[in-house]
Amino acid sequence: MSETPSTLARPSAILLMGVAGAGKTTAMVHRIQRLVAEGRCPPAHILATSFSKANVTDLQRALTRWPAC
């Protein structure tokens, strides 16, 4: 899988928008993982928000399975 610009962007606030099934949750998870793994941002300094309860649940599951978070 190729990296999307949102996962490679410098550490700053970003807004991800797209249609259902576009990969927004995956992009958020990969960006958070990359920022933490590269030591560019500690997990306690990251805020990920969503308007969908299902998306929040998906984010929590994906990040709690990842050992660095």
C-alpha atoms as a PDB file:
ATOM      1  CA  MET A   1       0.000   0.000   0.000  1.00  0.00           C
ATOM      2  CA  SER A   2       1.383   3.395  -0.935  1.00  0.00           C
ATOM      3  CA  GLU A   3       1.523   6.191   1.602  1.00  0.00           C
ATOM      4  CA  THR A   4      -1.032   8.941   1.132  1.00  0.00           C
ATOM      5  CA  PRO A   5      -0.069  12.609   1.441  1.00  0.00           C
ATOM      6  CA  SER A   6      -2.046  12.856   4.691  1.00  0.00           C
ATOM      7  CA  THR A   7       0.102  10.210   6.366  1.00  0.00           C
ATOM      8  CA  LEU A   8       3.361  11.797   5.179  1.00  0.00           C
ATOM      9  CA  ALA A   9       2.492  15.434   5.936  1.00  0.00           C
ATOM     10  CA  ARG A  10       4.504  17.328   8.526  1.00  0.00           C
ATOM     11  CA  PRO A  11       3.134  17.128  12.069  1.00  0.00           C
ATOM     12  CA  SER A  12       0.395  19.721  12.208  1.00  0.00           C
ATOM     13  CA  ALA A  13      -3.387  19.776  12.270  1.00  0.00           C
ATOM     14  CA  ILE A  14      -5.037  18.172   9.256  1.00  0.00           C
ATOM     15  CA  LEU A  15      -8.626  17.696   8.115  1.00  0.00           C
ATOM     16  CA  LEU A  16      -9.535  14.444   6.358  1.00  0.00           C
ATOM     17  CA  MET A  17     -12.721  14.479   4.286  1.00  0.00           C
ATOM     18  CA  GLY A  18     -14.074  11.889   1.923  1.00  0.00           C
ATOM     19  CA  VAL A  19     -16.950   9.610   1.034  1.00  0.00           C
ATOM     20  CA  ALA A  20     -17.733   6.396   2.899  1.00  0.00           C
ATOM     21  CA  GLY A  21     -15.122   3.740   2.223  1.00  0.00           C
ATOM     22  CA  ALA A  22     -12.472   6.228   1.075  1.00  0.00           C
ATOM     23  CA  GLY A  23      -9.956   5.174   3.762  1.00  0.00           C
ATOM     24  CA  LYS A  24     -10.197   8.105   6.183  1.00  0.00           C
ATOM     25  CA  THR A  25      -9.916   5.929   9.296  1.00  0.00           C
ATOM     26  CA  THR A  26      -6.972   4.014   7.849  1.00  0.00           C
ATOM     27  CA  ALA A  27      -5.236   7.275   6.942  1.00  0.00           C
ATOM     28  CA  MET A  28      -5.759   8.622  10.488  1.00  0.00           C
ATOM     29  CA  VAL A  29      -4.416   5.438  12.075  1.00  0.00           C
ATOM     30  CA  HIS A  30      -1.349   5.382   9.805  1.00  0.00           C
ATOM     31  CA  ARG A  31      -0.627   9.058  10.438  1.00  0.00           C
ATOM     32  CA  ILE A  32      -0.841   8.636  14.214  1.00  0.00           C
ATOM     33  CA  GLN A  33       1.321   5.515  14.097  1.00  0.00           C
ATOM     34  CA  ARG A  34       3.930   7.258  11.935  1.00  0.00           C
ATOM     35  CA  LEU A  35       4.093  10.359  14.161  1.00  0.00           C
ATOM     36  CA  VAL A  36       4.561   8.251  17.290  1.00  0.00           C
ATOM     37  CA  ALA A  37       6.934   5.694  15.748  1.00  0.00           C
ATOM     38  CA  GLU A  38       9.221   8.418  14.378  1.00  0.00           C
ATOM     39  CA  GLY A  39       9.238  10.184  17.752  1.00  0.00           C
ATOM     40  CA  ARG A  40       7.765  13.343  16.244  1.00  0.00           C
ATOM     41  CA  CYS A  41       4.795  13.465  18.615  1.00  0.00           C
ATOM     42  CA  PRO A  42       4.056  11.635  21.877  1.00  0.00           C
ATOM     43  CA  PRO A  43       0.686   9.833  22.005  1.00  0.00           C
ATOM     44  CA  ALA A  44      -0.520  12.111  24.818  1.00  0.00           C
ATOM     45  CA  HIS A  45      -0.280  15.113  22.461  1.00  0.00           C
ATOM     46  CA  ILE A  46      -2.542  13.671  19.756  1.00  0.00           C
ATOM     47  CA  LEU A  47      -6.259  14.416  19.501  1.00  0.00           C
ATOM     48  CA  ALA A  48      -8.284  12.509  16.912  1.00  0.00           C
ATOM     49  CA  THR A  49     -11.964  13.401  16.601  1.00  0.00           C
ATOM     50  CA  SER A  50     -14.848  12.123  14.529  1.00  0.00           C
ATOM     51  CA  PHE A  51     -18.550  12.756  14.089  1.00  0.00           C
ATOM     52  CA  SER A  52     -19.267   9.034  13.885  1.00  0.00           C
ATOM     53  CA  LYS A  53     -19.364   6.768  16.936  1.00  0.00           C
ATOM     54  CA  ALA A  54     -18.509   3.809  14.676  1.00  0.00           C
ATOM     55  CA  ASN A  55     -15.407   5.616  13.411  1.00  0.00           C
ATOM     56  CA  VAL A  56     -14.277   6.411  16.949  1.00  0.00           C
ATOM     57  CA  THR A  57     -14.666   2.737  17.875  1.00  0.00           C
ATOM     58  CA  ASP A  58     -12.622   1.710  14.805  1.00  0.00           C
ATOM     59  CA  LEU A  59      -9.870   4.198  15.719  1.00  0.00           C
ATOM     60  CA  GLN A  60      -9.739   3.003  19.314  1.00  0.00           C
ATOM     61  CA  ARG A  61      -9.517  -0.645  18.256  1.00  0.00           C
ATOM     62  CA  ALA A  62      -6.817  -0.009  15.679  1.00  0.00           C
ATOM     63  CA  LEU A  63      -4.664   2.096  17.996  1.00  0.00           C
ATOM     64  CA  THR A  64      -5.026  -0.078  21.102  1.00  0.00           C
ATOM     65  CA  ARG A  65      -3.859  -3.103  19.094  1.00  0.00           C
ATOM     66  CA  TRP A  66      -0.726  -1.136  18.172  1.00  0.00           C
ATOM     67  CA  PRO A  67       1.968  -1.529  20.870  1.00  0.00           C
ATOM     68  CA  ALA A  68       3.324   2.059  20.826  1.00  0.00           C
ATOM     69  CA  CYS A  69       0.029   3.732  21.822  1.00  0.00           C
END
